[in-house]
Protein backbone atom coordinates (compact mmCIF):
# COMPACT_ATOMS: atom_id res chain seq x y z
CA MET A 1 34.99 72.48 40.45
CA ASN A 2 31.37 73.06 39.52
CA LYS A 3 30.88 75.82 37.01
CA LEU A 4 28.80 78.85 37.94
CA ARG A 5 25.68 79.17 35.81
CA VAL A 6 25.51 82.72 34.48
CA ALA A 7 22.47 84.01 32.60
CA VAL A 8 23.47 86.96 30.40
CA LEU A 9 20.51 89.21 29.56
CA PHE A 10 20.71 91.46 26.50
CA GLY A 11 18.60 93.36 23.97
CA GLY A 12 15.68 94.93 25.80
CA ARG A 13 12.88 97.39 25.24
CA SER A 14 14.77 100.62 24.64
CA GLY A 15 16.45 102.80 22.07
CA GLU A 16 19.74 101.26 23.22
CA HIS A 17 18.76 97.73 22.15
CA ASP A 18 21.49 97.52 19.50
CA VAL A 19 24.14 98.89 21.86
CA SER A 20 23.17 96.16 24.32
CA LEU A 21 23.88 93.49 21.71
CA MET A 22 27.34 94.96 21.11
CA SER A 23 28.09 95.03 24.84
CA ALA A 24 26.79 91.48 25.31
CA ARG A 25 29.13 90.19 22.61
CA SER A 26 32.15 91.49 24.53
CA VAL A 27 30.89 90.14 27.87
CA LEU A 28 30.22 86.69 26.42
CA ASN A 29 33.70 86.62 24.90
CA ALA A 30 35.21 87.43 28.30
CA LEU A 31 33.40 84.75 30.34
CA ASP A 32 35.83 81.90 30.90
CA PRO A 33 34.17 78.64 29.72
CA GLU A 34 36.28 76.75 32.27
CA ARG A 35 34.60 78.67 35.09
CA TYR A 36 31.14 79.53 33.78
CA GLU A 37 28.23 77.79 32.13
CA VAL A 38 26.58 80.59 30.16
CA ILE A 39 22.91 80.86 29.29
CA GLN A 40 22.16 83.50 26.67
CA ILE A 41 18.80 85.25 27.04
CA GLY A 42 17.74 87.89 24.56
CA ILE A 43 14.86 90.28 25.24
CA THR A 44 13.05 91.62 22.19
CA LEU A 45 11.85 95.19 21.67
CA ASP A 46 8.40 93.82 22.53
CA GLY A 47 9.69 92.48 25.85
CA ASN A 48 9.71 88.75 25.03
CA TRP A 49 12.44 86.66 26.66
CA LEU A 50 14.03 84.17 24.23
CA THR A 51 16.80 81.60 24.37
CA GLY A 52 18.27 78.87 22.23
CA GLU A 53 21.41 77.94 20.40
CA ASN A 54 23.50 81.03 19.64
CA THR A 55 20.83 83.44 20.86
CA LEU A 56 22.99 86.53 20.41
CA ASP A 57 23.80 85.54 16.82
CA ALA A 58 20.07 85.22 16.14
CA PHE A 59 19.36 88.66 17.58
CA GLU A 60 22.19 90.26 15.63
CA LYS A 61 20.90 88.74 12.39
CA GLY A 62 17.25 89.53 13.17
CA ASN A 63 16.34 85.86 12.82
CA ILE A 64 14.74 84.90 16.14
CA LYS A 65 11.91 82.64 14.92
CA GLU A 66 13.68 79.44 15.97
CA LEU A 67 14.35 80.61 19.54
CA ASP A 68 12.33 79.39 22.51
CA ARG A 69 10.34 81.60 24.86
CA VAL A 70 11.64 81.85 28.41
CA VAL A 71 9.51 82.40 31.51
CA PRO A 72 11.34 85.00 33.64
CA PRO A 73 11.99 84.13 37.30
CA SER A 74 9.14 85.43 39.42
CA GLU A 75 9.45 84.20 42.99
CA PRO A 76 12.09 82.77 45.35
CA ALA A 77 10.62 79.26 45.28
CA HIS A 78 11.03 79.01 41.49
CA GLN A 79 14.50 80.27 40.60
CA SER A 80 14.95 77.90 37.67
CA LEU A 81 14.35 79.16 34.17
CA TYR A 82 11.57 77.58 32.16
CA VAL A 83 11.30 77.27 28.40
CA VAL A 84 7.95 77.19 26.61
CA ARG A 85 7.82 74.28 24.17
CA SER A 86 5.02 74.06 21.62
CA THR A 87 3.41 70.62 21.31
CA LYS A 88 0.33 69.20 19.60
CA LEU A 89 -1.42 69.42 22.94
CA GLY A 90 -0.46 73.04 23.47
CA ASP A 91 2.40 74.86 25.17
CA LYS A 92 4.44 72.92 27.70
CA LEU A 93 6.88 74.25 30.30
CA GLU A 94 10.26 72.57 30.53
CA THR A 95 12.94 73.34 33.10
CA LEU A 96 15.93 74.93 31.40
CA SER A 97 18.33 75.30 34.27
CA GLY A 98 18.89 76.84 37.63
CA VAL A 99 20.84 80.09 37.54
CA ASP A 100 23.51 81.13 40.04
CA VAL A 101 23.77 84.74 38.91
CA PHE A 102 22.12 86.98 36.32
CA PHE A 103 24.29 89.39 34.33
CA PRO A 104 22.06 92.12 32.83
CA VAL A 105 23.67 93.84 29.85
CA LEU A 106 20.59 95.94 29.20
CA HIS A 107 21.13 99.63 28.55
CA GLY A 108 18.39 102.23 28.94
CA PRO A 109 14.78 101.84 30.10
CA PHE A 110 13.58 98.38 31.21
CA GLY A 111 17.16 97.36 31.92
CA GLU A 112 19.19 100.12 33.52
CA ASP A 113 16.39 101.94 35.32
CA GLY A 114 15.57 99.56 38.17
CA THR A 115 12.79 97.62 36.45
CA ILE A 116 14.72 94.42 35.67
CA GLN A 117 16.45 94.80 39.03
CA GLY A 118 13.05 94.82 40.74
CA LEU A 119 12.11 91.59 38.98
CA LEU A 120 15.35 89.93 40.06
CA GLU A 121 14.90 91.21 43.62
CA LEU A 122 11.43 89.63 43.75
CA ALA A 123 12.95 86.35 42.59
CA ASP A 124 15.64 86.75 45.29
CA VAL A 125 18.52 85.93 42.93
CA ALA A 126 22.05 87.28 42.65
CA TYR A 127 22.59 89.75 39.84
CA VAL A 128 25.37 91.99 38.59
CA GLY A 129 25.15 95.74 39.05
CA ALA A 130 23.23 98.34 41.00
CA GLY A 131 19.98 97.67 42.84
CA VAL A 132 16.56 99.21 42.30
CA ALA A 133 17.24 102.58 43.93
CA GLY A 134 20.72 103.11 42.51
CA SER A 135 19.61 102.09 39.04
CA SER A 136 16.51 104.28 38.94
CA VAL A 137 18.18 107.38 40.36
CA GLY A 138 21.23 106.95 38.15
CA MET A 139 19.01 106.55 35.10
CA ASP A 140 16.78 109.59 35.60
CA LYS A 141 19.00 112.59 34.87
CA GLY A 142 16.54 115.00 36.51
CA ILE A 143 16.38 113.17 39.84
CA PHE A 144 20.10 112.40 39.72
CA LYS A 145 20.97 116.08 39.42
CA ASP A 146 18.77 116.92 42.41
CA VAL A 147 20.57 114.28 44.50
CA MET A 148 23.96 115.66 43.43
CA ARG A 149 22.92 119.20 44.39
CA ALA A 150 21.83 117.92 47.80
CA ASN A 151 25.25 116.30 48.27
CA GLY A 152 27.27 119.35 47.24
CA ILE A 153 28.64 117.79 44.05
CA PRO A 154 28.94 120.41 41.28
CA ILE A 155 26.77 119.96 38.18
CA VAL A 156 25.93 122.08 35.14
CA ASP A 157 22.85 124.34 35.36
CA SER A 158 19.79 122.51 34.05
CA ILE A 159 16.01 122.38 34.12
CA LEU A 160 13.50 119.57 33.71
CA VAL A 161 10.53 119.90 31.37
CA LEU A 162 7.75 117.48 30.54
CA ARG A 163 6.64 116.27 27.13
CA GLY A 164 3.16 117.58 27.93
CA GLU A 165 4.58 121.09 28.48
CA ILE A 166 6.32 120.98 25.11
CA GLU A 167 3.19 119.81 23.33
CA LYS A 168 1.04 122.43 25.05
CA ASP A 169 3.23 125.53 24.61
CA MET A 170 6.64 125.15 22.98
CA ASN A 171 7.37 128.90 23.13
CA ALA A 172 6.83 128.99 26.89
CA VAL A 173 9.27 126.11 27.35
CA ILE A 174 11.87 127.79 25.15
CA GLU A 175 11.54 131.03 27.12
CA LYS A 176 11.95 129.06 30.36
CA VAL A 177 15.13 127.46 29.03
CA GLU A 178 16.56 130.77 27.83
CA GLN A 179 16.35 132.16 31.35
CA MET A 180 19.34 129.93 32.21
CA GLY A 181 21.60 132.02 29.98
CA ALA A 182 22.98 132.11 26.47
CA TYR A 183 23.06 129.36 23.87
CA PRO A 184 24.10 126.62 23.35
CA PHE A 185 21.89 124.23 25.33
CA PHE A 186 21.70 120.45 25.28
CA ALA A 187 18.30 118.72 25.21
CA LYS A 188 18.29 115.14 26.51
CA PRO A 189 15.76 112.44 27.34
CA ALA A 190 15.93 112.09 31.12
CA ASN A 191 15.88 108.29 30.99
CA LEU A 192 18.16 107.20 28.19
CA GLY A 193 21.87 106.86 27.53
CA SER A 194 24.41 106.19 24.76
CA SER A 195 23.74 109.75 23.52
CA VAL A 196 20.42 108.63 22.00
CA GLY A 197 18.03 111.57 21.52
CA ILE A 198 20.56 114.23 22.56
CA SER A 199 20.80 117.47 20.57
CA LYS A 200 23.13 120.45 20.81
CA CYS A 201 21.00 123.56 20.34
CA ASN A 202 22.67 126.74 19.10
CA SER A 203 19.49 128.71 18.39
CA ARG A 204 15.76 128.89 19.13
CA SER A 205 14.92 126.74 16.11
CA ASP A 206 17.56 124.19 17.17
CA LEU A 207 16.10 124.12 20.66
CA GLY A 208 12.59 123.48 19.38
CA GLU A 209 13.82 120.59 17.24
CA GLY A 210 15.99 119.26 20.07
CA LEU A 211 13.09 119.27 22.52
CA MET A 212 10.89 117.38 20.07
CA GLU A 213 13.66 114.85 19.41
CA ALA A 214 14.22 114.21 23.13
CA ALA A 215 10.46 113.95 23.72
CA ARG A 216 10.32 111.04 21.27
CA TYR A 217 12.19 108.92 23.80
CA ASP A 218 10.90 110.09 27.18
CA ARG A 219 8.14 112.12 28.83
CA ARG A 220 10.79 113.88 30.95
CA ILE A 221 13.39 116.03 29.21
CA VAL A 222 16.48 117.61 30.76
CA VAL A 223 17.90 120.76 29.20
CA GLU A 224 21.41 121.71 30.25
CA ARG A 225 23.29 124.95 29.79
CA GLY A 226 26.34 124.54 27.59
CA VAL A 227 29.70 125.15 29.25
CA GLY A 228 32.43 126.98 27.34
CA ASN A 229 35.81 125.38 26.73
CA VAL A 230 35.16 121.95 28.24
CA ARG A 231 36.94 118.65 28.21
CA GLU A 232 34.98 115.41 28.70
CA ILE A 233 36.54 113.31 31.46
CA GLU A 234 35.35 109.87 32.54
CA VAL A 235 36.10 107.63 35.50
CA SER A 236 35.15 103.99 36.04
CA VAL A 237 33.90 102.93 39.47
CA LEU A 238 33.85 99.36 40.79
CA GLY A 239 32.62 97.95 44.09
CA ASN A 240 29.72 97.88 46.53
CA GLU A 241 29.97 99.74 49.82
CA HIS A 242 33.65 100.58 49.36
CA PRO A 243 34.02 101.54 45.69
CA GLN A 244 37.31 101.90 43.85
CA THR A 245 37.96 104.36 41.03
CA SER A 246 40.04 103.97 37.91
CA VAL A 247 42.41 106.44 36.33
CA CYS A 248 40.74 109.33 34.52
CA GLY A 249 40.26 109.17 30.77
CA GLU A 250 39.44 111.91 28.29
CA VAL A 251 37.05 111.68 25.36
CA LEU A 252 38.22 113.47 22.22
CA PRO A 253 34.97 113.89 20.23
CA SER A 254 35.22 113.82 16.45
CA ARG A 255 31.91 115.71 16.23
CA GLU A 256 30.39 118.63 18.10
CA PHE A 257 29.84 116.37 21.09
CA TYR A 258 30.23 112.70 22.00
CA SER A 259 27.33 111.52 19.84
CA TYR A 260 25.82 108.08 19.31
CA GLU A 261 27.47 107.90 15.87
CA SER A 262 30.95 108.67 17.17
CA LYS A 263 30.51 106.18 20.02
CA TYR A 264 29.12 103.18 18.15
CA ILE A 265 28.87 103.74 14.38
CA ASP A 266 32.09 105.20 13.05
CA GLY A 267 34.18 104.90 16.24
CA THR A 268 36.03 108.07 15.29
CA SER A 269 36.19 109.68 18.73
CA GLY A 270 39.51 109.27 20.45
CA LEU A 271 40.12 108.16 24.02
CA LEU A 272 43.12 109.54 25.90
CA ILE A 273 43.99 107.30 28.86
CA PRO A 274 45.12 108.53 31.27
CA ALA A 275 43.81 112.05 30.79
CA ASN A 276 46.41 114.79 30.81
CA LEU A 277 45.27 116.56 33.98
CA PRO A 278 47.01 117.99 37.04
CA SER A 279 47.05 115.40 39.82
CA GLU A 280 44.91 117.55 42.11
CA ILE A 281 42.19 117.77 39.43
CA SER A 282 42.29 114.01 38.74
CA ASP A 283 42.10 113.28 42.46
CA LYS A 284 39.11 115.61 42.92
CA ILE A 285 37.28 114.07 39.95
CA ARG A 286 37.81 110.58 41.37
CA GLU A 287 36.63 111.76 44.79
CA TYR A 288 33.43 113.19 43.28
CA ALA A 289 32.90 109.93 41.37
CA ALA A 290 33.08 107.82 44.53
CA ARG A 291 30.87 110.26 46.47
CA ALA A 292 28.21 110.26 43.74
CA TYR A 293 28.35 106.45 43.60
CA LYS A 294 27.69 106.18 47.33
CA ALA A 295 25.05 108.94 47.29
CA ILE A 296 22.73 106.90 45.05
CA ASP A 297 23.60 103.57 46.75
CA CYS A 298 25.17 102.23 43.58
CA ALA A 299 26.70 98.76 43.47
CA GLY A 300 28.77 96.68 41.11
CA MET A 301 29.82 99.27 38.59
CA ALA A 302 29.27 102.70 37.10
CA ARG A 303 30.99 105.14 34.80
CA ALA A 304 31.08 108.73 36.00
CA ASP A 305 31.10 111.37 33.25
CA PHE A 306 32.49 114.83 33.97
CA PHE A 307 33.03 118.16 32.25
CA PHE A 308 36.20 120.09 33.04
CA ASP A 309 36.04 123.78 32.17
CA ASN A 310 39.55 124.42 30.88
CA ASP A 311 39.27 128.19 31.24
CA MET A 312 37.64 128.41 34.67
CA LYS A 313 39.31 125.23 35.96
CA LYS A 314 35.94 123.98 37.24
CA ILE A 315 34.70 120.41 37.47
CA TYR A 316 31.09 119.42 36.75
CA LEU A 317 29.63 115.94 37.15
CA ASN A 318 27.42 115.22 34.14
CA GLU A 319 25.99 111.79 34.93
CA LEU A 320 26.59 108.37 36.44
CA ASN A 321 25.95 105.41 34.14
CA THR A 322 25.11 102.38 36.29
CA LEU A 323 25.31 100.00 33.34
CA PRO A 324 27.97 101.53 31.10
CA GLY A 325 28.81 100.36 27.63
CA PHE A 326 30.86 97.14 27.52
CA THR A 327 31.80 97.10 23.83
CA SER A 328 35.37 96.63 22.69
CA ILE A 329 35.72 100.41 22.28
CA SER A 330 33.89 101.41 25.46
CA MET A 331 35.59 103.63 28.01
CA TYR A 332 34.56 101.63 31.10
CA PRO A 333 36.65 98.49 30.49
CA LYS A 334 39.44 100.47 28.85
CA LEU A 335 39.87 102.61 31.97
CA TRP A 336 40.12 99.52 34.17
CA GLN A 337 42.58 97.93 31.80
CA ALA A 338 44.76 101.06 32.13
CA THR A 339 44.40 100.78 35.91
CA GLY A 340 45.61 97.18 35.91
CA LEU A 341 42.41 95.10 35.64
CA THR A 342 41.92 93.11 32.44
CA TYR A 343 38.51 92.65 30.84
CA PRO A 344 38.11 89.01 32.01
CA GLN A 345 39.25 89.97 35.52
CA LEU A 346 36.71 92.80 35.51
CA VAL A 347 33.87 90.44 34.57
CA ASP A 348 34.97 87.99 37.29
CA ARG A 349 35.02 90.77 39.87
CA LEU A 350 31.54 91.98 38.90
CA ILE A 351 30.17 88.48 39.44
CA GLU A 352 31.90 88.31 42.84
CA LEU A 353 30.33 91.65 43.79
CA ALA A 354 26.91 90.31 42.79
CA PHE A 355 27.25 87.48 45.31
CA GLU A 356 28.52 89.90 47.97
CA ARG A 357 25.47 92.11 47.45
CA LYS A 358 23.16 89.08 47.59
CA ALA A 359 24.75 88.02 50.90
CA GLN A 360 24.05 91.51 52.28
CA ARG A 361 20.38 91.21 51.26
CA ASP A 362 20.13 87.75 52.82
CA HIS A 363 21.46 89.16 56.11
CA THR A 364 18.43 91.48 56.38
CA GLU A 365 15.55 90.38 58.62
CA ARG A 366 12.27 90.14 56.68
CA ARG A 367 10.02 89.29 59.60
CA ARG A 368 9.36 91.25 62.75
CA ALA A 369 10.58 89.50 65.86
CA ALA A 370 7.78 88.02 67.98
């Protein structure tokens, strides 16, 4: 049996570059060498595509000088990858290999927001995960919340502010935020994940600092009203037009909230799988997860993050991550493992879904009938 050629993309131009490397390590370990021929492609913070022997090792060690530049696929007629070789006569293009499917493991902007998906769509290749629309809507927390409101899915009160508004009149922005209610508030970059740039704000001074921190990473900032006695519940979703949901899991933060440090640095936050919830609450959370997934035309995978108000017994959808963390301690694969799908089986299924989605695109007429 011929092996499928899988190009795994990692790194990228975002604040989640390092998280991407961690996720890629787990994905590469899970790809069965008997079934797949793997091409590692790292993308630098400057946006350069590189490949070579042990590309991920080179990125992790910060020693990428010996890697070769890759020309990204650009059009359907040229789906092979090309490597730029330096010669005495100048740069020379050499064919690296054809690729059957691309597996982006790129968190944050330029990877999870529809941009890389647009490039792969133009090249007309199969790729793992959501398409352009699902990726971009899932990434932008402001737009995502508007879509959820339109679909009757409960979310926490929030407002969207622009970096320009903060720079022009911070006090006016703070007053606008305070109209939502009492502290605390959470300030977040609209287009980032992995808890990068998120601040819990318990006072006016905290809010000012939190807005400035979020504005470092995005020109659009979402500020959410804090909810009282909440539990953080997550559900993994898998599929294309008919998504399946995993069991619910609960995050037990070791800090004030599920921060970047507790997720990826010290790994101190606990994960309770399955979450200790009444069956009717778990069922409703899973229903909301599937509805949200379909509402943004997601595909492949996503992790749905919820708040459950323990006092009011209310459910709030926080966000949908269309390219969730894939590290060894990440909730997405752990939830599927608890549901009966091992990590290697999950990776296999995601690749199958990529081909199913490509077949759907190929079935679409591109020319008007004469």
